[in-house]
C-alpha atoms as a PDB file:
ATOM      1  CA  MET A   1     136.898 140.515 145.164  1.00  0.00           C
ATOM      2  CA  LYS A   2     134.889 140.575 148.368  1.00  0.00           C
ATOM      3  CA  ILE A   3     132.248 138.361 149.977  1.00  0.00           C
ATOM      4  CA  ILE A   4     128.873 140.041 150.374  1.00  0.00           C
ATOM      5  CA  GLY A   5     126.657 137.124 151.423  1.00  0.00           C
ATOM      6  CA  THR A   6     126.784 133.656 152.944  1.00  0.00           C
ATOM      7  CA  GLY A   7     124.340 130.775 153.322  1.00  0.00           C
ATOM      8  CA  SER A   8     124.297 127.100 154.211  1.00  0.00           C
ATOM      9  CA  GLU A   9     121.912 124.167 154.459  1.00  0.00           C
ATOM     10  CA  LEU A  10     122.250 120.741 156.070  1.00  0.00           C
ATOM     11  CA  PRO A  11     120.178 117.557 155.962  1.00  0.00           C
ATOM     12  CA  SER A  12     117.686 117.103 158.779  1.00  0.00           C
ATOM     13  CA  LEU A  13     118.983 113.641 159.746  1.00  0.00           C
ATOM     14  CA  ALA A  14     121.767 113.743 162.343  1.00  0.00           C
ATOM     15  CA  VAL A  15     123.576 110.397 162.546  1.00  0.00           C
ATOM     16  CA  THR A  16     125.436 110.008 165.824  1.00  0.00           C
ATOM     17  CA  ASN A  17     128.407 107.754 166.513  1.00  0.00           C
ATOM     18  CA  GLU A  18     126.133 105.608 168.656  1.00  0.00           C
ATOM     19  CA  MET A  19     123.799 105.113 165.693  1.00  0.00           C
ATOM     20  CA  LEU A  20     126.732 104.005 163.534  1.00  0.00           C
ATOM     21  CA  SER A  21     127.800 101.479 166.165  1.00  0.00           C
ATOM     22  CA  GLU A  22     124.522  99.650 165.465  1.00  0.00           C
ATOM     23  CA  ILE A  23     125.504  98.944 161.849  1.00  0.00           C
ATOM     24  CA  LEU A  24     129.316  99.010 161.991  1.00  0.00           C
ATOM     25  CA  ASP A  25     132.004  97.401 164.120  1.00  0.00           C
ATOM     26  CA  THR A  26     132.836 100.669 165.878  1.00  0.00           C
ATOM     27  CA  ASN A  27     131.929 102.845 168.852  1.00  0.00           C
ATOM     28  CA  ASN A  28     131.843 106.484 169.889  1.00  0.00           C
ATOM     29  CA  GLU A  29     135.319 106.420 171.455  1.00  0.00           C
ATOM     30  CA  TRP A  30     136.943 104.894 168.360  1.00  0.00           C
ATOM     31  CA  ILE A  31     135.403 107.497 166.053  1.00  0.00           C
ATOM     32  CA  SER A  32     135.738 110.602 168.223  1.00  0.00           C
ATOM     33  CA  THR A  33     139.360 110.032 169.248  1.00  0.00           C
ATOM     34  CA  ARG A  34     140.476 109.476 165.646  1.00  0.00           C
ATOM     35  CA  THR A  35     138.401 112.097 163.873  1.00  0.00           C
ATOM     36  CA  GLY A  36     136.869 114.503 166.393  1.00  0.00           C
ATOM     37  CA  ILE A  37     133.420 113.737 164.975  1.00  0.00           C
ATOM     38  CA  SER A  38     130.397 113.132 167.230  1.00  0.00           C
ATOM     39  CA  GLN A  39     127.725 113.197 164.551  1.00  0.00           C
ATOM     40  CA  ARG A  40     127.224 114.019 160.900  1.00  0.00           C
ATOM     41  CA  ARG A  41     124.260 115.039 158.720  1.00  0.00           C
ATOM     42  CA  ILE A  42     123.191 112.526 156.064  1.00  0.00           C
ATOM     43  CA  ILE A  43     120.760 113.128 153.203  1.00  0.00           C
ATOM     44  CA  SER A  44     117.667 110.977 153.674  1.00  0.00           C
ATOM     45  CA  GLU A  45     114.419 112.710 152.763  1.00  0.00           C
ATOM     46  CA  GLU A  46     116.001 115.736 151.071  1.00  0.00           C
ATOM     47  CA  SER A  47     117.959 115.912 147.834  1.00  0.00           C
ATOM     48  CA  LEU A  48     121.328 117.532 147.251  1.00  0.00           C
ATOM     49  CA  THR A  49     119.666 119.954 144.847  1.00  0.00           C
ATOM     50  CA  GLU A  50     117.323 121.126 147.597  1.00  0.00           C
ATOM     51  CA  LEU A  51     120.259 121.765 149.918  1.00  0.00           C
ATOM     52  CA  ALA A  52     122.170 123.652 147.223  1.00  0.00           C
ATOM     53  CA  VAL A  53     119.195 125.822 146.316  1.00  0.00           C
ATOM     54  CA  SER A  54     118.382 126.611 149.949  1.00  0.00           C
ATOM     55  CA  ALA A  55     121.982 127.580 150.737  1.00  0.00           C
ATOM     56  CA  SER A  56     122.057 129.761 147.616  1.00  0.00           C
ATOM     57  CA  LYS A  57     118.810 131.535 148.511  1.00  0.00           C
ATOM     58  CA  LYS A  58     120.129 132.269 152.002  1.00  0.00           C
ATOM     59  CA  ALA A  59     123.350 133.692 150.557  1.00  0.00           C
ATOM     60  CA  LEU A  60     121.382 135.874 148.155  1.00  0.00           C
ATOM     61  CA  LYS A  61     119.172 137.145 150.985  1.00  0.00           C
ATOM     62  CA  ASN A  62     122.214 137.867 153.133  1.00  0.00           C
ATOM     63  CA  ALA A  63     123.701 139.833 150.209  1.00  0.00           C
ATOM     64  CA  ASN A  64     120.412 141.691 149.701  1.00  0.00           C
ATOM     65  CA  LEU A  65     120.230 140.427 146.140  1.00  0.00           C
ATOM     66  CA  GLU A  66     117.756 138.532 143.979  1.00  0.00           C
ATOM     67  CA  ALA A  67     118.460 135.754 141.523  1.00  0.00           C
ATOM     68  CA  LYS A  68     118.210 138.208 138.616  1.00  0.00           C
ATOM     69  CA  ASP A  69     121.174 140.116 140.048  1.00  0.00           C
ATOM     70  CA  ILE A  70     123.536 137.143 139.701  1.00  0.00           C
ATOM     71  CA  ASP A  71     125.764 137.269 136.613  1.00  0.00           C
ATOM     72  CA  PHE A  72     127.533 133.910 136.980  1.00  0.00           C
ATOM     73  CA  ILE A  73     127.180 130.716 139.050  1.00  0.00           C
ATOM     74  CA  ILE A  74     130.078 128.453 140.010  1.00  0.00           C
ATOM     75  CA  CYS A  75     129.135 125.131 141.582  1.00  0.00           C
ATOM     76  CA  SER A  76     131.653 122.900 143.341  1.00  0.00           C
ATOM     77  CA  ASN A  77     130.389 119.338 143.373  1.00  0.00           C
ATOM     78  CA  THR A  78     132.035 115.923 143.439  1.00  0.00           C
ATOM     79  CA  VAL A  79     129.103 113.567 142.948  1.00  0.00           C
ATOM     80  CA  ASN A  80     125.320 113.741 142.675  1.00  0.00           C
ATOM     81  CA  ASN A  81     122.532 111.853 140.952  1.00  0.00           C
ATOM     82  CA  TYR A  82     123.095 113.708 137.668  1.00  0.00           C
ATOM     83  CA  VAL A  83     126.173 113.200 135.552  1.00  0.00           C
ATOM     84  CA  LEU A  84     124.653 115.793 133.252  1.00  0.00           C
ATOM     85  CA  PRO A  85     123.403 118.418 133.242  1.00  0.00           C
ATOM     86  CA  GLY A  86     125.767 119.983 135.745  1.00  0.00           C
ATOM     87  CA  LEU A  87     124.402 120.765 139.190  1.00  0.00           C
ATOM     88  CA  SER A  88     124.988 124.467 138.533  1.00  0.00           C
ATOM     89  CA  CYS A  89     122.447 124.328 135.673  1.00  0.00           C
ATOM     90  CA  ILE A  90     119.858 122.725 137.924  1.00  0.00           C
ATOM     91  CA  VAL A  91     120.459 125.264 140.694  1.00  0.00           C
ATOM     92  CA  GLN A  92     120.222 128.114 138.183  1.00  0.00           C
ATOM     93  CA  GLY A  93     116.802 126.910 137.054  1.00  0.00           C
ATOM     94  CA  GLU A  94     115.509 126.380 140.581  1.00  0.00           C
ATOM     95  CA  LEU A  95     116.621 129.870 141.588  1.00  0.00           C
ATOM     96  CA  GLY A  96     115.128 131.467 138.492  1.00  0.00           C
ATOM     97  CA  ALA A  97     118.460 132.991 137.521  1.00  0.00           C
ATOM     98  CA  HIS A  98     119.371 133.806 133.919  1.00  0.00           C
ATOM     99  CA  CYS A  99     123.156 133.649 133.749  1.00  0.00           C
ATOM    100  CA  PRO A 100     125.960 131.366 132.635  1.00  0.00           C
ATOM    101  CA  CYS A 101     127.036 128.700 135.086  1.00  0.00           C
ATOM    102  CA  ILE A 102     129.743 126.100 135.442  1.00  0.00           C
ATOM    103  CA  ASP A 103     130.574 123.074 137.595  1.00  0.00           C
ATOM    104  CA  LEU A 104     134.002 122.226 138.943  1.00  0.00           C
ATOM    105  CA  ASN A 105     135.341 119.154 140.710  1.00  0.00           C
ATOM    106  CA  SER A 106     138.404 119.834 142.817  1.00  0.00           C
ATOM    107  CA  ALA A 107     137.089 117.609 145.617  1.00  0.00           C
ATOM    108  CA  CYS A 108     137.503 119.128 149.075  1.00  0.00           C
ATOM    109  CA  SER A 109     139.500 122.081 147.689  1.00  0.00           C
ATOM    110  CA  GLY A 110     136.595 123.176 145.509  1.00  0.00           C
ATOM    111  CA  PHE A 111     135.653 126.325 147.422  1.00  0.00           C
ATOM    112  CA  ILE A 112     139.137 127.833 147.155  1.00  0.00           C
ATOM    113  CA  TYR A 113     139.308 126.889 143.472  1.00  0.00           C
ATOM    114  CA  ALA A 114     135.905 128.525 142.946  1.00  0.00           C
ATOM    115  CA  LEU A 115     137.114 131.724 144.630  1.00  0.00           C
ATOM    116  CA  TYR A 116     140.131 131.721 142.292  1.00  0.00           C
ATOM    117  CA  MET A 117     137.865 131.340 139.245  1.00  0.00           C
ATOM    118  CA  ALA A 118     135.484 134.007 140.518  1.00  0.00           C
ATOM    119  CA  ALA A 119     138.342 136.470 140.961  1.00  0.00           C
ATOM    120  CA  ALA A 120     139.405 135.862 137.348  1.00  0.00           C
ATOM    121  CA  TYR A 121     135.859 136.376 136.024  1.00  0.00           C
ATOM    122  CA  LEU A 122     135.499 139.596 138.019  1.00  0.00           C
ATOM    123  CA  ASP A 123     138.825 140.868 136.679  1.00  0.00           C
ATOM    124  CA  MET A 124     137.453 140.432 133.152  1.00  0.00           C
ATOM    125  CA  GLY A 125     134.929 143.146 133.956  1.00  0.00           C
ATOM    126  CA  LYS A 126     131.995 141.337 132.364  1.00  0.00           C
ATOM    127  CA  VAL A 127     130.338 140.207 135.592  1.00  0.00           C
ATOM    128  CA  LYS A 128     129.653 141.926 138.895  1.00  0.00           C
ATOM    129  CA  ASN A 129     127.977 139.415 141.229  1.00  0.00           C
ATOM    130  CA  ILE A 130     128.894 135.732 141.324  1.00  0.00           C
ATOM    131  CA  LEU A 131     127.195 132.971 143.288  1.00  0.00           C
ATOM    132  CA  ILE A 132     129.494 130.201 144.515  1.00  0.00           C
ATOM    133  CA  VAL A 133     127.684 127.127 145.816  1.00  0.00           C
ATOM    134  CA  CYS A 134     129.442 124.040 147.159  1.00  0.00           C
ATOM    135  CA  ALA A 135     127.072 121.077 147.445  1.00  0.00           C
ATOM    136  CA  GLU A 136     128.326 117.655 148.448  1.00  0.00           C
ATOM    137  CA  GLU A 137     126.966 114.242 149.426  1.00  0.00           C
ATOM    138  CA  PRO A 138     130.038 112.070 150.093  1.00  0.00           C
ATOM    139  CA  SER A 139     127.762 109.643 151.934  1.00  0.00           C
ATOM    140  CA  LYS A 140     126.925 108.296 148.433  1.00  0.00           C
ATOM    141  CA  MET A 141     130.581 107.437 147.740  1.00  0.00           C
ATOM    142  CA  VAL A 142     131.598 105.431 150.803  1.00  0.00           C
ATOM    143  CA  ASP A 143     131.276 101.744 151.642  1.00  0.00           C
ATOM    144  CA  TRP A 144     128.827 101.658 154.553  1.00  0.00           C
ATOM    145  CA  HIS A 145     130.321  98.348 155.648  1.00  0.00           C
ATOM    146  CA  ALA A 146     133.768  99.928 156.174  1.00  0.00           C
ATOM    147  CA  ARG A 147     134.169 102.089 159.242  1.00  0.00           C
ATOM    148  CA  ASP A 148     137.419 103.748 158.118  1.00  0.00           C
ATOM    149  CA  THR A 149     135.637 105.914 155.556  1.00  0.00           C
ATOM    150  CA  SER A 150     131.915 105.848 156.303  1.00  0.00           C
ATOM    151  CA  VAL A 151     132.252 107.415 159.776  1.00  0.00           C
ATOM    152  CA  ILE A 152     134.123 110.458 158.463  1.00  0.00           C
ATOM    153  CA  PHE A 153     131.835 112.088 155.944  1.00  0.00           C
ATOM    154  CA  GLY A 154     128.644 114.115 156.057  1.00  0.00           C
ATOM    155  CA  ASP A 155     126.452 115.880 153.501  1.00  0.00           C
ATOM    156  CA  GLY A 156     125.715 119.573 153.170  1.00  0.00           C
ATOM    157  CA  ALA A 157     125.831 122.749 151.102  1.00  0.00           C
ATOM    158  CA  GLY A 158     127.402 126.155 151.602  1.00  0.00           C
ATOM    159  CA  ALA A 159     127.173 129.234 149.408  1.00  0.00           C
ATOM    160  CA  THR A 160     128.679 132.693 149.092  1.00  0.00           C
ATOM    161  CA  VAL A 161     128.020 135.691 146.902  1.00  0.00           C
ATOM    162  CA  VAL A 162     131.101 137.593 145.788  1.00  0.00           C
ATOM    163  CA  THR A 163     131.485 140.857 143.920  1.00  0.00           C
ATOM    164  CA  GLN A 164     134.157 143.320 142.936  1.00  0.00           C
ATOM    165  CA  GLY A 165     136.272 144.639 145.780  1.00  0.00           C
ATOM    166  CA  LYS A 166     139.732 144.749 147.303  1.00  0.00           C
ATOM    167  CA  ASN A 167     139.269 142.208 150.084  1.00  0.00           C
ATOM    168  CA  LEU A 168     141.015 139.239 148.481  1.00  0.00           C
ATOM    169  CA  LYS A 169     144.628 139.833 149.459  1.00  0.00           C
ATOM    170  CA  SER A 170     146.184 136.681 148.005  1.00  0.00           C
ATOM    171  CA  ILE A 171     145.233 133.236 146.734  1.00  0.00           C
ATOM    172  CA  HIS A 172     147.318 130.208 145.815  1.00  0.00           C
ATOM    173  CA  LEU A 173     146.468 126.821 144.277  1.00  0.00           C
ATOM    174  CA  THR A 174     148.496 123.644 143.888  1.00  0.00           C
ATOM    175  CA  THR A 175     147.835 120.313 142.207  1.00  0.00           C
ATOM    176  CA  THR A 176     150.056 117.245 142.450  1.00  0.00           C
ATOM    177  CA  CYS A 177     148.904 114.093 140.681  1.00  0.00           C
ATOM    178  CA  ALA A 178     148.509 111.548 143.468  1.00  0.00           C
ATOM    179  CA  ILE A 179     145.556 109.259 142.788  1.00  0.00           C
ATOM    180  CA  GLU A 180     146.206 106.284 145.063  1.00  0.00           C
ATOM    181  CA  PRO A 181     145.831 108.013 148.466  1.00  0.00           C
ATOM    182  CA  LEU A 182     142.220 109.050 147.806  1.00  0.00           C
ATOM    183  CA  TYR A 183     139.927 108.140 144.927  1.00  0.00           C
ATOM    184  CA  TYR A 184     136.434 107.013 143.975  1.00  0.00           C
ATOM    185  CA  GLN A 185     135.473 105.074 140.853  1.00  0.00           C
ATOM    186  CA  ARG A 186     131.922 105.372 139.596  1.00  0.00           C
ATOM    187  CA  GLU A 187     130.214 102.408 137.957  1.00  0.00           C
ATOM    188  CA  LEU A 188     129.685 103.026 134.245  1.00  0.00           C
ATOM    189  CA  GLU A 189     127.221 101.627 131.736  1.00  0.00           C
ATOM    190  CA  TYR A 190     127.880  98.398 129.849  1.00  0.00           C
ATOM    191  CA  ASN A 191     130.034  98.727 126.740  1.00  0.00           C
ATOM    192  CA  PRO A 192     130.322  95.602 124.517  1.00  0.00           C
ATOM    193  CA  TYR A 193     133.828  96.645 123.436  1.00  0.00           C
ATOM    194  CA  THR A 194     135.170  97.118 126.944  1.00  0.00           C
ATOM    195  CA  HIS A 195     135.943  93.967 128.889  1.00  0.00           C
ATOM    196  CA  LYS A 196     137.229  95.538 132.081  1.00  0.00           C
ATOM    197  CA  GLN A 197     134.586  97.054 134.326  1.00  0.00           C
ATOM    198  CA  GLU A 198     135.772  98.586 137.581  1.00  0.00           C
ATOM    199  CA  PHE A 199     133.838 100.026 140.462  1.00  0.00           C
ATOM    200  CA  LYS A 200     135.108 100.779 143.935  1.00  0.00           C
ATOM    201  CA  PRO A 201     133.628 102.781 146.799  1.00  0.00           C
ATOM    202  CA  LEU A 202     135.771 105.597 148.148  1.00  0.00           C
ATOM    203  CA  VAL A 203     139.327 104.418 148.801  1.00  0.00           C
ATOM    204  CA  MET A 204     141.391 106.398 151.300  1.00  0.00           C
ATOM    205  CA  ASN A 205     144.840 105.817 152.720  1.00  0.00           C
ATOM    206  CA  GLY A 206     144.499 107.835 155.894  1.00  0.00           C
ATOM    207  CA  LYS A 207     148.212 108.072 156.699  1.00  0.00           C
ATOM    208  CA  ASP A 208     149.138 109.350 153.236  1.00  0.00           C
ATOM    209  CA  VAL A 209     146.279 111.845 153.191  1.00  0.00           C
ATOM    210  CA  TYR A 210     147.248 113.075 156.667  1.00  0.00           C
ATOM    211  CA  LYS A 211     150.858 113.757 155.647  1.00  0.00           C
ATOM    212  CA  MET A 212     149.958 115.366 152.345  1.00  0.00           C
ATOM    213  CA  ALA A 213     147.237 117.536 153.867  1.00  0.00           C
ATOM    214  CA  VAL A 214     149.376 118.848 156.715  1.00  0.00           C
ATOM    215  CA  ASN A 215     152.431 119.568 154.572  1.00  0.00           C
ATOM    216  CA  ALA A 216     150.473 121.195 151.758  1.00  0.00           C
ATOM    217  CA  SER A 217     148.279 123.311 154.038  1.00  0.00           C
ATOM    218  CA  VAL A 218     151.210 124.678 156.041  1.00  0.00           C
ATOM    219  CA  GLN A 219     153.099 125.520 152.840  1.00  0.00           C
ATOM    220  CA  ASP A 220     150.057 127.114 151.209  1.00  0.00           C
ATOM    221  CA  ILE A 221     149.239 129.188 154.293  1.00  0.00           C
ATOM    222  CA  ASN A 222     152.786 130.480 154.549  1.00  0.00           C
ATOM    223  CA  THR A 223     152.757 131.295 150.840  1.00  0.00           C
ATOM    224  CA  VAL A 224     149.535 133.334 150.850  1.00  0.00           C
ATOM    225  CA  MET A 225     150.487 135.170 154.042  1.00  0.00           C
ATOM    226  CA  LYS A 226     153.811 136.146 152.502  1.00  0.00           C
ATOM    227  CA  GLU A 227     152.123 137.267 149.288  1.00  0.00           C
ATOM    228  CA  ALA A 228     149.567 139.291 151.254  1.00  0.00           C
ATOM    229  CA  HIS A 229     152.271 140.824 153.487  1.00  0.00           C
ATOM    230  CA  VAL A 230     150.444 139.860 156.670  1.00  0.00           C
ATOM    231  CA  THR A 231     151.826 138.382 159.871  1.00  0.00           C
ATOM    232  CA  GLN A 232     150.299 135.749 162.133  1.00  0.00           C
ATOM    233  CA  LYS A 233     149.462 138.453 164.674  1.00  0.00           C
ATOM    234  CA  GLU A 234     147.195 140.076 162.092  1.00  0.00           C
ATOM    235  CA  ILE A 235     145.231 136.886 161.371  1.00  0.00           C
ATOM    236  CA  SER A 236     141.862 136.753 163.131  1.00  0.00           C
ATOM    237  CA  PHE A 237     140.847 133.218 162.104  1.00  0.00           C
ATOM    238  CA  TYR A 238     142.139 130.250 160.143  1.00  0.00           C
ATOM    239  CA  LEU A 239     139.231 128.529 158.388  1.00  0.00           C
ATOM    240  CA  LEU A 240     140.537 125.097 157.467  1.00  0.00           C
ATOM    241  CA  HIS A 241     138.803 122.334 155.571  1.00  0.00           C
ATOM    242  CA  GLN A 242     137.024 120.287 158.237  1.00  0.00           C
ATOM    243  CA  ALA A 243     138.524 116.928 157.296  1.00  0.00           C
ATOM    244  CA  ASN A 244     139.783 115.564 160.594  1.00  0.00           C
ATOM    245  CA  VAL A 245     140.436 117.261 163.933  1.00  0.00           C
ATOM    246  CA  ARG A 246     143.905 115.682 164.092  1.00  0.00           C
ATOM    247  CA  ILE A 247     144.862 117.284 160.782  1.00  0.00           C
ATOM    248  CA  ILE A 248     143.579 120.674 161.940  1.00  0.00           C
ATOM    249  CA  GLU A 249     145.423 120.457 165.251  1.00  0.00           C
ATOM    250  CA  THR A 250     148.676 119.355 163.601  1.00  0.00           C
ATOM    251  CA  ILE A 251     148.526 122.291 161.188  1.00  0.00           C
ATOM    252  CA  ARG A 252     147.896 124.600 164.136  1.00  0.00           C
ATOM    253  CA  ASP A 253     150.895 123.159 165.968  1.00  0.00           C
ATOM    254  CA  PHE A 254     153.153 123.685 162.955  1.00  0.00           C
ATOM    255  CA  LEU A 255     152.017 127.306 162.752  1.00  0.00           C
ATOM    256  CA  GLY A 256     152.380 127.773 166.507  1.00  0.00           C
ATOM    257  CA  GLU A 257     148.999 129.491 166.728  1.00  0.00           C
ATOM    258  CA  ASN A 258     146.347 129.732 169.442  1.00  0.00           C
ATOM    259  CA  GLU A 259     143.462 127.287 169.405  1.00  0.00           C
ATOM    260  CA  ASP A 260     140.830 130.040 169.455  1.00  0.00           C
ATOM    261  CA  LYS A 261     141.948 131.124 165.984  1.00  0.00           C
ATOM    262  CA  PHE A 262     140.886 127.770 164.534  1.00  0.00           C
ATOM    263  CA  PRO A 263     137.065 127.501 164.594  1.00  0.00           C
ATOM    264  CA  LYS A 264     135.676 124.002 164.087  1.00  0.00           C
ATOM    265  CA  ASN A 265     132.341 122.385 163.342  1.00  0.00           C
ATOM    266  CA  ILE A 266     133.558 118.947 162.259  1.00  0.00           C
ATOM    267  CA  HIS A 267     132.193 117.462 165.493  1.00  0.00           C
ATOM    268  CA  LYS A 268     128.665 118.341 164.328  1.00  0.00           C
ATOM    269  CA  TYR A 269     128.817 117.802 160.577  1.00  0.00           C
ATOM    270  CA  GLY A 270     131.771 115.564 159.731  1.00  0.00           C
ATOM    271  CA  ASN A 271     133.748 116.101 156.532  1.00  0.00           C
ATOM    272  CA  THR A 272     131.414 117.793 154.033  1.00  0.00           C
ATOM    273  CA  SER A 273     134.096 118.051 151.324  1.00  0.00           C
ATOM    274  CA  SER A 274     134.168 121.415 149.508  1.00  0.00           C
ATOM    275  CA  ALA A 275     131.105 122.612 151.450  1.00  0.00           C
ATOM    276  CA  SER A 276     132.939 122.569 154.788  1.00  0.00           C
ATOM    277  CA  ILE A 277     134.598 126.009 154.628  1.00  0.00           C
ATOM    278  CA  PRO A 278     131.547 127.932 153.306  1.00  0.00           C
ATOM    279  CA  ILE A 279     129.345 126.195 155.921  1.00  0.00           C
ATOM    280  CA  LEU A 280     131.785 127.227 158.655  1.00  0.00           C
ATOM    281  CA  LEU A 281     132.034 130.741 157.222  1.00  0.00           C
ATOM    282  CA  ASP A 282     128.248 131.092 157.196  1.00  0.00           C
ATOM    283  CA  GLU A 283     127.954 129.867 160.784  1.00  0.00           C
ATOM    284  CA  MET A 284     130.488 132.437 161.934  1.00  0.00           C
ATOM    285  CA  ASN A 285     128.771 135.158 159.917  1.00  0.00           C
ATOM    286  CA  MET A 286     125.326 134.337 161.274  1.00  0.00           C
ATOM    287  CA  ASN A 287     126.654 134.107 164.859  1.00  0.00           C
ATOM    288  CA  GLY A 288     128.300 137.510 164.654  1.00  0.00           C
ATOM    289  CA  GLN A 289     131.801 136.114 165.164  1.00  0.00           C
ATOM    290  CA  LEU A 290     133.251 138.019 162.208  1.00  0.00           C
ATOM    291  CA  LYS A 291     134.090 141.677 162.650  1.00  0.00           C
ATOM    292  CA  ASP A 292     134.693 144.291 160.020  1.00  0.00           C
ATOM    293  CA  GLY A 293     138.350 144.206 159.042  1.00  0.00           C
ATOM    294  CA  ASP A 294     139.035 140.678 160.307  1.00  0.00           C
ATOM    295  CA  ILE A 295     141.775 138.943 158.320  1.00  0.00           C
ATOM    296  CA  LEU A 296     140.839 135.361 157.426  1.00  0.00           C
ATOM    297  CA  VAL A 297     143.079 132.613 156.113  1.00  0.00           C
ATOM    298  CA  MET A 298     141.248 129.781 154.347  1.00  0.00           C
ATOM    299  CA  SER A 299     142.965 126.515 153.452  1.00  0.00           C
ATOM    300  CA  ALA A 300     141.664 123.313 151.879  1.00  0.00           C
ATOM    301  CA  PHE A 301     143.066 120.045 150.570  1.00  0.00           C
ATOM    302  CA  GLY A 302     141.504 117.164 148.714  1.00  0.00           C
ATOM    303  CA  ALA A 303     141.740 114.318 146.236  1.00  0.00           C
ATOM    304  CA  GLY A 304     143.894 114.960 143.229  1.00  0.00           C
ATOM    305  CA  PHE A 305     145.940 115.876 145.216  1.00  0.00           C
ATOM    306  CA  SER A 306     144.614 119.463 145.062  1.00  0.00           C
ATOM    307  CA  THR A 307     145.158 122.218 147.608  1.00  0.00           C
ATOM    308  CA  GLY A 308     144.394 125.899 147.915  1.00  0.00           C
ATOM    309  CA  ALA A 309     144.634 128.780 150.360  1.00  0.00           C
ATOM    310  CA  CYS A 310     143.763 132.464 150.424  1.00  0.00           C
ATOM    311  CA  VAL A 311     143.885 135.559 152.609  1.00  0.00           C
ATOM    312  CA  MET A 312     140.627 137.488 152.734  1.00  0.00           C
ATOM    313  CA  GLU A 313     139.661 140.618 154.629  1.00  0.00           C
ATOM    314  CA  TRP A 314     136.146 140.410 155.997  1.00  0.00           C
ATOM    315  CA  SER A 315     133.787 143.327 155.509  1.00  0.00           C
ATOM    316  CA  ASN A 316     130.502 143.749 157.339  1.00  0.00           C
ATOM    317  CA  ARG A 317     129.656 146.566 154.943  1.00  0.00           C
ATOM    318  CA  MET A 318     128.487 144.066 152.348  1.00  0.00           C
ATOM    319  CA  THR A 319     127.215 146.085 149.422  1.00  0.00           C
ATOM    320  CA  ALA A 320     126.581 144.478 146.055  1.00  0.00           C
ATOM    321  CA  ALA A 321     128.102 145.953 142.934  1.00  0.00           C
ATOM    322  CA  GLU A 322     125.997 147.685 140.326  1.00  0.00           C
ATOM    323  CA  PRO A 323     124.775 145.402 137.517  1.00  0.00           C
ATOM    324  CA  PRO A 324     127.070 145.222 134.467  1.00  0.00           C
ATOM    325  CA  GLN A 325     126.058 147.503 131.617  1.00  0.00           C
ATOM    326  CA  ASN A 326     125.305 145.533 128.458  1.00  0.00           C
ATOM    327  CA  ASN A 327     128.315 143.284 128.862  1.00  0.00           C
ATOM    328  CA  LYS A 328     126.867 139.985 130.001  1.00  0.00           C
ATOM    329  CA  MET A 329     128.989 136.959 129.195  1.00  0.00           C
END
């Protein structure tokens, strides 16, 4: 598998720490020192669908493809206005694509899980070009009266187009059932036979999440590097889930790596869940920071507790595969 196109889209509204201090018992220093976030983008006038479609169109353009060239769509999404149909179906229709599509919910690890699924579909030989779109609006899950969670998250969408190639060197997923550290319960419709109705905004135990994220990410990174037979000297960049600058820096310390290998955009966008890595990847691609042959390590961690990491070689010679011959899924 190889990446042949990237795209991203963010809401127009930038909510600064100073703006949050007007509605919450907090201030810029409290937020920035604990999270590294100065502002985040929040959906106001736009919809999540619009962000997802725009990011997808940009990725297709970057890959020099049209919607008709896409053979499968994988959408990573935690929550949106539709329970059904899946967001991937809506994006498919808006793009004018005619291919199967599927949604997955692995929380903040969704992009790595989507890459894993895409690699499996490509190995089947029935598809050639796959669109992965990660679209998230965690601002709809948090309690906007509680500063511990509401200051952390932002909304956004990131997309990639992948095709057959030899650039994915290794990929590794883990899941450990640990609900209490991080969960969100959605309010359901009335049922006359159910007497217990529960609804809670996003619940997060920061200390537990911090420990689990750091330990899992370090282990996953070491695993995929060993499987790919690459050394730290060969790694150009580590693209980590932009959850919290303290988590990123602690992982970097454990690895003993240089700061310039760990690009960040959390200060601008906050934690955009599974969209964070593809948004960061697209920024680096559009800014010309990625060179042909660069070795990238990507690592994410999220509710579940789910984690994933991969080693990917970047190629600036991004050529789409030929369409499959009469073997559509």
